[in-house]
């Protein structure tokens, strides 16, 4: 118990260190509840299942003895209204940047797979009031199954703007970043490489000329049994809910001509992913092009900072499956 208590206190100190110089716009002489106490209260309450300021305030009232093991809390904890007022004055972007940095350090995300994905929140639109649905872009640590950060955007088309902003918040050195076709942009690829990470992009119609070249190239190489190029081949079989899905991954390494023609930052390989799903009473087979990673039944292009990155992806089974399935979950 003592060891667990010491570990919890140590991590609380680390968490608060990320907010040590966080701007507090309140008038110093009128502050009743110090910001570090409020942040610690919110962290512990959310970890305990709190979802609203009402929940957090209730947690503070019932667990004040626990909270005082970490910090003084001389004046107790604020009401839910007071909590809302305090958070309304804080810089949300700066808060998220610091929180994401702490989470990344906590889970050691730098050597794993991070999936970027955009989702529209169900029920967030209100037609009568003219309120559009809320669209969020999230960065998800696939192996740890943890959201590292989120950015709200006006609609799906603005993901192109949101993804670089979210990348700026994250420490991604050594990671493989997977993004669907909307994020398949040269500037995003370059930003990922500049942060010393690799990426896997789904390749679809928004990069039409590149897709056409990849589609033709992959089809020609497959037709001649890949005799004229260096490849890495891998297969996985998954069974769930009465169906069996077999995926065949073929990485084509010799793409210097593709890089020269399209000037795509860091391009080191093209991955074709073919899937066959067998469901009782039916079967389906599909293969479509993507960018060096894959979505279901697709062919993909994989851009790396170095040729060794592609080999690293295919070396351990866990890396491959997490990278290619990470953005689907």
C-alpha atoms as a PDB file:
ATOM      1  CA  UNK A   1       0.000   0.000   0.000  1.00  0.00           C
ATOM      2  CA  UNK A   2       2.807   2.407   0.887  1.00  0.00           C
ATOM      3  CA  UNK A   3       4.528   1.745  -2.436  1.00  0.00           C
ATOM      4  CA  UNK A   4       1.283   2.382  -4.346  1.00  0.00           C
ATOM      5  CA  UNK A   5       0.659   5.599  -2.406  1.00  0.00           C
ATOM      6  CA  UNK A   6       4.199   6.793  -3.109  1.00  0.00           C
ATOM      7  CA  UNK A   7       3.830   6.011  -6.832  1.00  0.00           C
ATOM      8  CA  UNK A   8       0.516   7.900  -7.002  1.00  0.00           C
ATOM      9  CA  UNK A   9       1.990  10.916  -5.243  1.00  0.00           C
ATOM     10  CA  UNK A  10       5.044  10.891  -7.504  1.00  0.00           C
ATOM     11  CA  UNK A  11       2.890  10.813 -10.646  1.00  0.00           C
ATOM     12  CA  UNK A  12       0.727  13.630  -9.287  1.00  0.00           C
ATOM     13  CA  UNK A  13       3.870  15.730  -8.856  1.00  0.00           C
ATOM     14  CA  UNK A  14       4.913  14.921 -12.432  1.00  0.00           C
ATOM     15  CA  UNK A  15       1.443  15.840 -13.740  1.00  0.00           C
ATOM     16  CA  UNK A  16       1.443  19.177 -11.930  1.00  0.00           C
ATOM     17  CA  UNK A  17       4.969  19.954 -13.141  1.00  0.00           C
ATOM     18  CA  UNK A  18       3.598  20.177 -16.687  1.00  0.00           C
ATOM     19  CA  UNK A  19       1.303  23.016 -15.523  1.00  0.00           C
ATOM     20  CA  UNK A  20       3.790  24.742 -13.227  1.00  0.00           C
ATOM     21  CA  UNK A  21       3.867  27.999 -15.201  1.00  0.00           C
ATOM     22  CA  UNK A  22       0.421  27.649 -16.764  1.00  0.00           C
ATOM     23  CA  UNK A  23      -1.186  31.117 -17.076  1.00  0.00           C
ATOM     24  CA  UNK A  24      -3.880  31.743 -14.450  1.00  0.00           C
ATOM     25  CA  UNK A  25      -5.821  34.897 -15.462  1.00  0.00           C
ATOM     26  CA  UNK A  26      -7.534  35.271 -12.060  1.00  0.00           C
ATOM     27  CA  UNK A  27      -6.603  38.176  -9.802  1.00  0.00           C
ATOM     28  CA  UNK A  28      -4.000  36.750  -7.461  1.00  0.00           C
ATOM     29  CA  UNK A  29      -5.337  38.431  -4.313  1.00  0.00           C
ATOM     30  CA  UNK A  30      -8.825  36.987  -4.873  1.00  0.00           C
ATOM     31  CA  UNK A  31      -7.839  33.392  -5.561  1.00  0.00           C
ATOM     32  CA  UNK A  32      -9.394  31.025  -3.032  1.00  0.00           C
ATOM     33  CA  UNK A  33      -8.670  27.745  -4.804  1.00  0.00           C
ATOM     34  CA  UNK A  34      -5.111  27.456  -6.221  1.00  0.00           C
ATOM     35  CA  UNK A  35      -4.931  26.242  -9.808  1.00  0.00           C
ATOM     36  CA  UNK A  36      -2.725  23.251  -8.982  1.00  0.00           C
ATOM     37  CA  UNK A  37      -5.369  22.022  -6.494  1.00  0.00           C
ATOM     38  CA  UNK A  38      -8.134  22.419  -9.082  1.00  0.00           C
ATOM     39  CA  UNK A  39      -6.168  20.545 -11.735  1.00  0.00           C
ATOM     40  CA  UNK A  40      -5.349  17.707  -9.349  1.00  0.00           C
ATOM     41  CA  UNK A  41      -8.985  17.512  -8.224  1.00  0.00           C
ATOM     42  CA  UNK A  42     -10.156  17.252 -11.842  1.00  0.00           C
ATOM     43  CA  UNK A  43      -7.546  14.638 -12.748  1.00  0.00           C
ATOM     44  CA  UNK A  44      -8.375  12.333  -9.857  1.00  0.00           C
ATOM     45  CA  UNK A  45     -12.133  12.812 -10.294  1.00  0.00           C
ATOM     46  CA  UNK A  46     -12.023  12.003 -14.013  1.00  0.00           C
ATOM     47  CA  UNK A  47      -9.872   8.931 -13.327  1.00  0.00           C
ATOM     48  CA  UNK A  48     -12.553   7.869 -10.851  1.00  0.00           C
ATOM     49  CA  UNK A  49     -15.255   8.187 -13.521  1.00  0.00           C
ATOM     50  CA  UNK A  50     -16.433  11.807 -13.268  1.00  0.00           C
ATOM     51  CA  UNK A  51     -17.821  13.220 -16.520  1.00  0.00           C
ATOM     52  CA  UNK A  52     -19.188  16.645 -15.543  1.00  0.00           C
ATOM     53  CA  UNK A  53     -18.303  19.534 -13.237  1.00  0.00           C
ATOM     54  CA  UNK A  54     -21.113  18.346 -10.954  1.00  0.00           C
ATOM     55  CA  UNK A  55     -19.430  14.940 -10.684  1.00  0.00           C
ATOM     56  CA  UNK A  56     -16.055  16.567 -10.003  1.00  0.00           C
ATOM     57  CA  UNK A  57     -17.471  18.832  -7.289  1.00  0.00           C
ATOM     58  CA  UNK A  58     -19.178  15.862  -5.632  1.00  0.00           C
ATOM     59  CA  UNK A  59     -15.921  13.883  -5.764  1.00  0.00           C
ATOM     60  CA  UNK A  60     -14.103  16.797  -4.107  1.00  0.00           C
ATOM     61  CA  UNK A  61     -16.605  16.935  -1.247  1.00  0.00           C
ATOM     62  CA  UNK A  62     -16.499  13.208  -0.562  1.00  0.00           C
ATOM     63  CA  UNK A  63     -12.770  12.657  -1.057  1.00  0.00           C
ATOM     64  CA  UNK A  64     -11.279  15.728   0.600  1.00  0.00           C
ATOM     65  CA  UNK A  65      -9.221  13.551   2.955  1.00  0.00           C
ATOM     66  CA  UNK A  66      -7.700  11.734  -0.006  1.00  0.00           C
ATOM     67  CA  UNK A  67      -6.991  15.013  -1.795  1.00  0.00           C
ATOM     68  CA  UNK A  68      -5.184  16.419   1.247  1.00  0.00           C
ATOM     69  CA  UNK A  69      -2.649  13.608   1.013  1.00  0.00           C
ATOM     70  CA  UNK A  70      -1.374  15.400  -2.095  1.00  0.00           C
ATOM     71  CA  UNK A  71      -1.982  19.139  -1.501  1.00  0.00           C
ATOM     72  CA  UNK A  72      -3.301  21.295   1.412  1.00  0.00           C
ATOM     73  CA  UNK A  73      -6.821  22.102   0.066  1.00  0.00           C
ATOM     74  CA  UNK A  74      -7.165  24.545   3.018  1.00  0.00           C
ATOM     75  CA  UNK A  75     -10.437  25.962   1.707  1.00  0.00           C
ATOM     76  CA  UNK A  76     -11.812  22.641   0.528  1.00  0.00           C
ATOM     77  CA  UNK A  77     -12.931  22.282  -3.093  1.00  0.00           C
ATOM     78  CA  UNK A  78     -15.019  24.589  -5.325  1.00  0.00           C
ATOM     79  CA  UNK A  79     -18.642  24.093  -6.355  1.00  0.00           C
ATOM     80  CA  UNK A  80     -19.468  22.923  -9.851  1.00  0.00           C
ATOM     81  CA  UNK A  81     -20.430  26.484 -10.917  1.00  0.00           C
ATOM     82  CA  UNK A  82     -17.119  27.845  -9.636  1.00  0.00           C
ATOM     83  CA  UNK A  83     -15.221  25.076 -11.440  1.00  0.00           C
ATOM     84  CA  UNK A  84     -16.946  25.958 -14.707  1.00  0.00           C
ATOM     85  CA  UNK A  85     -16.136  29.653 -14.277  1.00  0.00           C
ATOM     86  CA  UNK A  86     -12.458  28.916 -13.602  1.00  0.00           C
ATOM     87  CA  UNK A  87     -12.032  26.620 -16.608  1.00  0.00           C
ATOM     88  CA  UNK A  88     -13.821  29.140 -18.842  1.00  0.00           C
ATOM     89  CA  UNK A  89     -10.977  31.611 -18.194  1.00  0.00           C
ATOM     90  CA  UNK A  90      -8.152  29.185 -19.047  1.00  0.00           C
ATOM     91  CA  UNK A  91      -6.387  28.911 -22.402  1.00  0.00           C
ATOM     92  CA  UNK A  92      -7.897  25.670 -23.748  1.00  0.00           C
ATOM     93  CA  UNK A  93      -5.296  25.181 -26.485  1.00  0.00           C
ATOM     94  CA  UNK A  94      -2.365  25.618 -24.108  1.00  0.00           C
ATOM     95  CA  UNK A  95      -4.036  23.333 -21.563  1.00  0.00           C
ATOM     96  CA  UNK A  96      -4.497  20.608 -24.174  1.00  0.00           C
ATOM     97  CA  UNK A  97      -0.899  20.928 -25.360  1.00  0.00           C
ATOM     98  CA  UNK A  98       0.435  20.400 -21.839  1.00  0.00           C
ATOM     99  CA  UNK A  99      -2.001  17.620 -21.005  1.00  0.00           C
ATOM    100  CA  UNK A 100      -1.150  15.745 -24.207  1.00  0.00           C
ATOM    101  CA  UNK A 101       2.568  16.102 -23.430  1.00  0.00           C
ATOM    102  CA  UNK A 102       2.028  14.556 -19.988  1.00  0.00           C
ATOM    103  CA  UNK A 103      -0.048  11.669 -21.387  1.00  0.00           C
ATOM    104  CA  UNK A 104       2.561  10.953 -24.075  1.00  0.00           C
ATOM    105  CA  UNK A 105       5.297  10.756 -21.457  1.00  0.00           C
ATOM    106  CA  UNK A 106       3.120   8.649 -19.165  1.00  0.00           C
ATOM    107  CA  UNK A 107       2.427   5.925 -21.735  1.00  0.00           C
ATOM    108  CA  UNK A 108       5.698   6.167 -23.647  1.00  0.00           C
ATOM    109  CA  UNK A 109       3.925   6.553 -26.982  1.00  0.00           C
ATOM    110  CA  UNK A 110       7.026   7.476 -28.948  1.00  0.00           C
ATOM    111  CA  UNK A 111       7.792   3.950 -30.199  1.00  0.00           C
ATOM    112  CA  UNK A 112       4.297   2.852 -31.222  1.00  0.00           C
ATOM    113  CA  UNK A 113       1.422   3.513 -33.619  1.00  0.00           C
ATOM    114  CA  UNK A 114      -0.710   6.669 -33.520  1.00  0.00           C
ATOM    115  CA  UNK A 115      -3.914   6.667 -35.583  1.00  0.00           C
ATOM    116  CA  UNK A 116      -5.416  10.003 -36.621  1.00  0.00           C
ATOM    117  CA  UNK A 117      -9.115   9.881 -37.400  1.00  0.00           C
ATOM    118  CA  UNK A 118     -12.000  12.307 -37.844  1.00  0.00           C
ATOM    119  CA  UNK A 119     -15.476  11.576 -36.501  1.00  0.00           C
ATOM    120  CA  UNK A 120     -18.744  13.491 -36.466  1.00  0.00           C
ATOM    121  CA  UNK A 121     -20.344  13.364 -33.012  1.00  0.00           C
ATOM    122  CA  UNK A 122     -23.725  11.694 -33.220  1.00  0.00           C
ATOM    123  CA  UNK A 123     -26.599  13.879 -32.036  1.00  0.00           C
ATOM    124  CA  UNK A 124     -24.486  17.073 -31.973  1.00  0.00           C
ATOM    125  CA  UNK A 125     -26.396  18.741 -34.835  1.00  0.00           C
ATOM    126  CA  UNK A 126     -29.584  20.744 -34.294  1.00  0.00           C
ATOM    127  CA  UNK A 127     -31.332  21.590 -37.566  1.00  0.00           C
ATOM    128  CA  UNK A 128     -34.018  23.831 -36.043  1.00  0.00           C
ATOM    129  CA  UNK A 129     -31.399  25.996 -34.374  1.00  0.00           C
ATOM    130  CA  UNK A 130     -29.171  25.899 -37.425  1.00  0.00           C
ATOM    131  CA  UNK A 131     -26.409  24.203 -35.456  1.00  0.00           C
ATOM    132  CA  UNK A 132     -24.041  22.047 -37.503  1.00  0.00           C
ATOM    133  CA  UNK A 133     -22.740  18.732 -36.208  1.00  0.00           C
ATOM    134  CA  UNK A 134     -19.483  18.786 -34.247  1.00  0.00           C
ATOM    135  CA  UNK A 135     -16.571  17.135 -36.043  1.00  0.00           C
ATOM    136  CA  UNK A 136     -13.507  16.050 -34.070  1.00  0.00           C
ATOM    137  CA  UNK A 137     -10.057  14.928 -35.196  1.00  0.00           C
ATOM    138  CA  UNK A 138      -8.446  12.583 -32.672  1.00  0.00           C
ATOM    139  CA  UNK A 139      -4.986  11.098 -32.201  1.00  0.00           C
ATOM    140  CA  UNK A 140      -5.331   7.562 -30.848  1.00  0.00           C
ATOM    141  CA  UNK A 141      -2.496   5.453 -29.410  1.00  0.00           C
ATOM    142  CA  UNK A 142      -3.537   2.156 -31.016  1.00  0.00           C
ATOM    143  CA  UNK A 143      -1.672  -0.296 -28.799  1.00  0.00           C
ATOM    144  CA  UNK A 144      -2.467   1.527 -25.541  1.00  0.00           C
ATOM    145  CA  UNK A 145      -6.053   2.255 -26.723  1.00  0.00           C
ATOM    146  CA  UNK A 146      -5.859   5.819 -25.456  1.00  0.00           C
ATOM    147  CA  UNK A 147      -6.845   9.142 -27.061  1.00  0.00           C
ATOM    148  CA  UNK A 148      -3.823  11.438 -26.877  1.00  0.00           C
ATOM    149  CA  UNK A 149      -5.515  14.592 -28.120  1.00  0.00           C
ATOM    150  CA  UNK A 150      -8.468  16.028 -30.029  1.00  0.00           C
ATOM    151  CA  UNK A 151      -9.158  19.102 -32.134  1.00  0.00           C
ATOM    152  CA  UNK A 152     -12.619  20.368 -33.040  1.00  0.00           C
ATOM    153  CA  UNK A 153     -13.166  21.384 -36.684  1.00  0.00           C
ATOM    154  CA  UNK A 154     -16.048  22.948 -38.586  1.00  0.00           C
ATOM    155  CA  UNK A 155     -16.506  20.005 -40.945  1.00  0.00           C
ATOM    156  CA  UNK A 156     -14.648  17.028 -42.429  1.00  0.00           C
ATOM    157  CA  UNK A 157     -12.879  19.152 -45.068  1.00  0.00           C
ATOM    158  CA  UNK A 158     -11.095  21.078 -42.311  1.00  0.00           C
ATOM    159  CA  UNK A 159      -9.291  17.957 -41.107  1.00  0.00           C
ATOM    160  CA  UNK A 160      -6.433  19.059 -43.381  1.00  0.00           C
ATOM    161  CA  UNK A 161      -5.977  22.107 -41.130  1.00  0.00           C
ATOM    162  CA  UNK A 162      -6.631  20.308 -37.846  1.00  0.00           C
ATOM    163  CA  UNK A 163      -4.172  17.433 -38.334  1.00  0.00           C
ATOM    164  CA  UNK A 164      -1.028  19.650 -38.412  1.00  0.00           C
ATOM    165  CA  UNK A 165      -2.297  21.506 -35.321  1.00  0.00           C
ATOM    166  CA  UNK A 166      -2.777  18.210 -33.490  1.00  0.00           C
ATOM    167  CA  UNK A 167       0.647  16.979 -34.619  1.00  0.00           C
ATOM    168  CA  UNK A 168       2.206  20.094 -33.079  1.00  0.00           C
ATOM    169  CA  UNK A 169       0.849  19.035 -29.672  1.00  0.00           C
ATOM    170  CA  UNK A 170       2.301  15.520 -29.756  1.00  0.00           C
ATOM    171  CA  UNK A 171       5.710  13.998 -29.144  1.00  0.00           C
ATOM    172  CA  UNK A 172       5.734  11.379 -31.923  1.00  0.00           C
ATOM    173  CA  UNK A 173       9.426  10.661 -32.455  1.00  0.00           C
ATOM    174  CA  UNK A 174       9.874   7.010 -33.466  1.00  0.00           C
ATOM    175  CA  UNK A 175       6.145   6.405 -33.968  1.00  0.00           C
ATOM    176  CA  UNK A 176       4.229   5.286 -37.060  1.00  0.00           C
ATOM    177  CA  UNK A 177       1.370   7.707 -37.776  1.00  0.00           C
ATOM    178  CA  UNK A 178      -1.641   6.370 -39.690  1.00  0.00           C
ATOM    179  CA  UNK A 179      -4.111   8.739 -41.383  1.00  0.00           C
ATOM    180  CA  UNK A 180      -6.968   8.125 -43.791  1.00  0.00           C
ATOM    181  CA  UNK A 181      -7.200   9.614 -47.293  1.00  0.00           C
ATOM    182  CA  UNK A 182      -8.310  13.064 -46.117  1.00  0.00           C
ATOM    183  CA  UNK A 183      -4.917  13.571 -44.459  1.00  0.00           C
ATOM    184  CA  UNK A 184      -2.966  12.335 -47.467  1.00  0.00           C
ATOM    185  CA  UNK A 185      -1.162  15.645 -48.080  1.00  0.00           C
ATOM    186  CA  UNK A 186       2.486  16.471 -48.754  1.00  0.00           C
ATOM    187  CA  UNK A 187       2.707  19.109 -46.013  1.00  0.00           C
ATOM    188  CA  UNK A 188       1.335  16.657 -43.439  1.00  0.00           C
ATOM    189  CA  UNK A 189       3.793  13.987 -44.586  1.00  0.00           C
ATOM    190  CA  UNK A 190       6.664  16.447 -44.272  1.00  0.00           C
ATOM    191  CA  UNK A 191       5.581  17.563 -40.789  1.00  0.00           C
ATOM    192  CA  UNK A 192       5.524  13.943 -39.586  1.00  0.00           C
ATOM    193  CA  UNK A 193       8.992  13.330 -40.988  1.00  0.00           C
ATOM    194  CA  UNK A 194      10.260  16.589 -39.456  1.00  0.00           C
ATOM    195  CA  UNK A 195       9.111  15.266 -36.067  1.00  0.00           C
ATOM    196  CA  UNK A 196      11.208  12.116 -36.688  1.00  0.00           C
ATOM    197  CA  UNK A 197       8.273   9.760 -37.201  1.00  0.00           C
ATOM    198  CA  UNK A 198       7.026   7.620 -40.119  1.00  0.00           C
ATOM    199  CA  UNK A 199       3.599   7.488 -41.659  1.00  0.00           C
ATOM    200  CA  UNK A 200       1.019   5.326 -43.389  1.00  0.00           C
ATOM    201  CA  UNK A 201      -1.550   7.115 -45.536  1.00  0.00           C
ATOM    202  CA  UNK A 202      -4.639   5.749 -47.203  1.00  0.00           C
ATOM    203  CA  UNK A 203      -4.449   6.646 -50.896  1.00  0.00           C
ATOM    204  CA  UNK A 204      -7.693   7.502 -52.675  1.00  0.00           C
ATOM    205  CA  UNK A 205      -9.149   9.970 -55.151  1.00  0.00           C
ATOM    206  CA  UNK A 206      -7.860  13.181 -53.548  1.00  0.00           C
ATOM    207  CA  UNK A 207      -4.383  12.227 -54.869  1.00  0.00           C
ATOM    208  CA  UNK A 208      -5.677  10.986 -58.201  1.00  0.00           C
ATOM    209  CA  UNK A 209      -2.480  10.939 -60.279  1.00  0.00           C
ATOM    210  CA  UNK A 210      -0.486   9.241 -57.529  1.00  0.00           C
ATOM    211  CA  UNK A 211      -3.262   6.729 -56.974  1.00  0.00           C
ATOM    212  CA  UNK A 212      -3.468   5.916 -60.682  1.00  0.00           C
ATOM    213  CA  UNK A 213       0.289   5.311 -60.888  1.00  0.00           C
ATOM    214  CA  UNK A 214       0.271   3.152 -57.753  1.00  0.00           C
ATOM    215  CA  UNK A 215      -2.767   1.180 -58.910  1.00  0.00           C
ATOM    216  CA  UNK A 216      -1.208   0.439 -62.307  1.00  0.00           C
ATOM    217  CA  UNK A 217       2.201  -0.351 -60.819  1.00  0.00           C
ATOM    218  CA  UNK A 218       0.787  -2.709 -58.169  1.00  0.00           C
ATOM    219  CA  UNK A 219      -1.399  -4.503 -60.736  1.00  0.00           C
ATOM    220  CA  UNK A 220       1.512  -4.980 -63.158  1.00  0.00           C
ATOM    221  CA  UNK A 221       3.828  -6.283 -60.454  1.00  0.00           C
ATOM    222  CA  UNK A 222       1.205  -8.684 -59.144  1.00  0.00           C
ATOM    223  CA  UNK A 223       0.517  -9.970 -62.675  1.00  0.00           C
ATOM    224  CA  UNK A 224       4.172 -10.944 -63.193  1.00  0.00           C
ATOM    225  CA  UNK A 225       4.524 -12.439 -59.719  1.00  0.00           C
ATOM    226  CA  UNK A 226       6.600  -9.507 -58.396  1.00  0.00           C
ATOM    227  CA  UNK A 227       9.648 -10.872 -60.238  1.00  0.00           C
ATOM    228  CA  UNK A 228      11.036  -7.424 -61.073  1.00  0.00           C
ATOM    229  CA  UNK A 229      10.920  -5.822 -57.669  1.00  0.00           C
ATOM    230  CA  UNK A 230      11.869  -6.351 -54.046  1.00  0.00           C
ATOM    231  CA  UNK A 231       8.866  -7.155 -51.839  1.00  0.00           C
ATOM    232  CA  UNK A 232       7.965  -8.122 -48.288  1.00  0.00           C
ATOM    233  CA  UNK A 233       4.999 -10.450 -47.908  1.00  0.00           C
ATOM    234  CA  UNK A 234       2.848 -11.133 -44.865  1.00  0.00           C
ATOM    235  CA  UNK A 235      -0.545 -12.711 -44.101  1.00  0.00           C
ATOM    236  CA  UNK A 236      -2.896 -12.537 -41.113  1.00  0.00           C
ATOM    237  CA  UNK A 237      -6.065 -14.493 -40.345  1.00  0.00           C
ATOM    238  CA  UNK A 238      -8.659 -13.168 -37.895  1.00  0.00           C
ATOM    239  CA  UNK A 239     -11.890 -14.782 -36.752  1.00  0.00           C
ATOM    240  CA  UNK A 240     -14.661 -12.902 -34.989  1.00  0.00           C
ATOM    241  CA  UNK A 241     -18.461 -13.042 -34.732  1.00  0.00           C
ATOM    242  CA  UNK A 242     -18.669 -16.101 -36.964  1.00  0.00           C
ATOM    243  CA  UNK A 243     -16.618 -14.647 -39.815  1.00  0.00           C
ATOM    244  CA  UNK A 244     -13.037 -15.212 -40.920  1.00  0.00           C
ATOM    245  CA  UNK A 245     -11.017 -12.452 -42.528  1.00  0.00           C
ATOM    246  CA  UNK A 246      -7.693 -13.105 -44.230  1.00  0.00           C
ATOM    247  CA  UNK A 247      -5.479 -10.159 -45.114  1.00  0.00           C
ATOM    248  CA  UNK A 248      -2.469 -10.405 -47.373  1.00  0.00           C
ATOM    249  CA  UNK A 249       0.067  -7.559 -47.117  1.00  0.00           C
ATOM    250  CA  UNK A 250       2.556  -7.029 -49.937  1.00  0.00           C
ATOM    251  CA  UNK A 251       5.093  -4.219 -49.540  1.00  0.00           C
ATOM    252  CA  UNK A 252       6.829  -3.097 -52.736  1.00  0.00           C
ATOM    253  CA  UNK A 253      10.140  -1.433 -51.911  1.00  0.00           C
ATOM    254  CA  UNK A 254      11.403  -0.266 -55.327  1.00  0.00           C
ATOM    255  CA  UNK A 255       9.545   3.023 -55.683  1.00  0.00           C
ATOM    256  CA  UNK A 256      12.343   5.515 -56.436  1.00  0.00           C
ATOM    257  CA  UNK A 257      10.701   6.321 -59.785  1.00  0.00           C
ATOM    258  CA  UNK A 258       7.422   7.076 -57.987  1.00  0.00           C
ATOM    259  CA  UNK A 259       9.173   9.389 -55.551  1.00  0.00           C
ATOM    260  CA  UNK A 260      10.937  11.174 -58.435  1.00  0.00           C
ATOM    261  CA  UNK A 261       7.732  11.624 -60.431  1.00  0.00           C
ATOM    262  CA  UNK A 262       5.510  12.860 -57.598  1.00  0.00           C
ATOM    263  CA  UNK A 263       8.039  14.400 -55.197  1.00  0.00           C
ATOM    264  CA  UNK A 264       6.329  12.799 -52.211  1.00  0.00           C
ATOM    265  CA  UNK A 265       8.253  13.453 -48.945  1.00  0.00           C
ATOM    266  CA  UNK A 266      10.011  10.363 -47.598  1.00  0.00           C
ATOM    267  CA  UNK A 267       8.287   7.820 -49.811  1.00  0.00           C
ATOM    268  CA  UNK A 268       9.950   4.405 -49.356  1.00  0.00           C
ATOM    269  CA  UNK A 269       7.330   1.853 -50.319  1.00  0.00           C
ATOM    270  CA  UNK A 270       3.864   0.918 -51.496  1.00  0.00           C
ATOM    271  CA  UNK A 271       1.814  -1.644 -49.607  1.00  0.00           C
ATOM    272  CA  UNK A 272      -1.005  -3.561 -51.244  1.00  0.00           C
ATOM    273  CA  UNK A 273      -3.456  -5.050 -48.778  1.00  0.00           C
ATOM    274  CA  UNK A 274      -5.911  -7.629 -50.090  1.00  0.00           C
ATOM    275  CA  UNK A 275      -8.626  -9.015 -47.869  1.00  0.00           C
ATOM    276  CA  UNK A 276     -10.921 -11.995 -48.083  1.00  0.00           C
ATOM    277  CA  UNK A 277     -13.827 -12.142 -45.667  1.00  0.00           C
ATOM    278  CA  UNK A 278     -15.743 -15.367 -45.272  1.00  0.00           C
ATOM    279  CA  UNK A 279     -19.163 -15.154 -43.639  1.00  0.00           C
ATOM    280  CA  UNK A 280     -21.439 -18.187 -43.262  1.00  0.00           C
ATOM    281  CA  UNK A 281     -23.287 -18.401 -46.565  1.00  0.00           C
ATOM    282  CA  UNK A 282     -21.193 -15.796 -48.405  1.00  0.00           C
ATOM    283  CA  UNK A 283     -17.631 -14.764 -49.264  1.00  0.00           C
ATOM    284  CA  UNK A 284     -16.127 -11.596 -50.577  1.00  0.00           C
ATOM    285  CA  UNK A 285     -12.694 -10.642 -51.860  1.00  0.00           C
ATOM    286  CA  UNK A 286     -11.397  -7.149 -52.479  1.00  0.00           C
ATOM    287  CA  UNK A 287      -8.177  -5.255 -53.111  1.00  0.00           C
ATOM    288  CA  UNK A 288      -7.836  -1.499 -53.419  1.00  0.00           C
ATOM    289  CA  UNK A 289      -4.879   0.892 -53.314  1.00  0.00           C
ATOM    290  CA  UNK A 290      -3.797   2.802 -50.204  1.00  0.00           C
ATOM    291  CA  UNK A 291      -0.615   4.423 -49.083  1.00  0.00           C
ATOM    292  CA  UNK A 292       1.839   2.215 -47.288  1.00  0.00           C
ATOM    293  CA  UNK A 293      -0.562   0.995 -44.654  1.00  0.00           C
ATOM    294  CA  UNK A 294      -4.027  -0.034 -45.180  1.00  0.00           C
ATOM    295  CA  UNK A 295      -7.712   0.158 -44.703  1.00  0.00           C
ATOM    296  CA  UNK A 296     -10.025  -2.787 -45.036  1.00  0.00           C
ATOM    297  CA  UNK A 297      -9.743  -4.394 -48.468  1.00  0.00           C
ATOM    298  CA  UNK A 298      -7.279  -1.880 -49.783  1.00  0.00           C
ATOM    299  CA  UNK A 299      -3.859  -1.223 -51.235  1.00  0.00           C
ATOM    300  CA  UNK A 300      -1.790   1.426 -49.498  1.00  0.00           C
ATOM    301  CA  UNK A 301       1.316   3.562 -49.814  1.00  0.00           C
ATOM    302  CA  UNK A 302       3.753   3.702 -46.922  1.00  0.00           C
ATOM    303  CA  UNK A 303       6.021   6.748 -46.532  1.00  0.00           C
ATOM    304  CA  UNK A 304       9.045   6.402 -44.230  1.00  0.00           C
ATOM    305  CA  UNK A 305      11.932   8.533 -43.086  1.00  0.00           C
ATOM    306  CA  UNK A 306      14.380   5.729 -43.897  1.00  0.00           C
ATOM    307  CA  UNK A 307      14.283   2.397 -45.776  1.00  0.00           C
ATOM    308  CA  UNK A 308      14.736   0.583 -42.468  1.00  0.00           C
ATOM    309  CA  UNK A 309      11.341   1.842 -41.340  1.00  0.00           C
ATOM    310  CA  UNK A 310       9.509  -0.365 -43.797  1.00  0.00           C
ATOM    311  CA  UNK A 311      11.459  -3.402 -42.605  1.00  0.00           C
ATOM    312  CA  UNK A 312      10.703  -2.465 -38.990  1.00  0.00           C
ATOM    313  CA  UNK A 313       6.996  -2.381 -39.767  1.00  0.00           C
ATOM    314  CA  UNK A 314       7.016  -5.936 -41.088  1.00  0.00           C
ATOM    315  CA  UNK A 315       9.416  -7.457 -38.566  1.00  0.00           C
ATOM    316  CA  UNK A 316       7.213  -8.080 -35.492  1.00  0.00           C
ATOM    317  CA  UNK A 317       3.624  -9.225 -35.980  1.00  0.00           C
ATOM    318  CA  UNK A 318       2.329  -6.784 -33.410  1.00  0.00           C
ATOM    319  CA  UNK A 319       3.748  -3.770 -35.241  1.00  0.00           C
ATOM    320  CA  UNK A 320       2.171  -4.766 -38.526  1.00  0.00           C
ATOM    321  CA  UNK A 321      -1.300  -5.533 -37.231  1.00  0.00           C
ATOM    322  CA  UNK A 322      -1.424  -2.507 -34.935  1.00  0.00           C
ATOM    323  CA  UNK A 323      -0.309  -0.129 -37.690  1.00  0.00           C
ATOM    324  CA  UNK A 324      -2.668  -1.413 -40.338  1.00  0.00           C
ATOM    325  CA  UNK A 325      -5.687  -1.932 -38.093  1.00  0.00           C
ATOM    326  CA  UNK A 326      -5.049   0.989 -35.737  1.00  0.00           C
ATOM    327  CA  UNK A 327      -6.996   3.550 -37.758  1.00  0.00           C
ATOM    328  CA  UNK A 328     -10.010   1.250 -38.171  1.00  0.00           C
ATOM    329  CA  UNK A 329     -10.750   0.779 -34.463  1.00  0.00           C
END
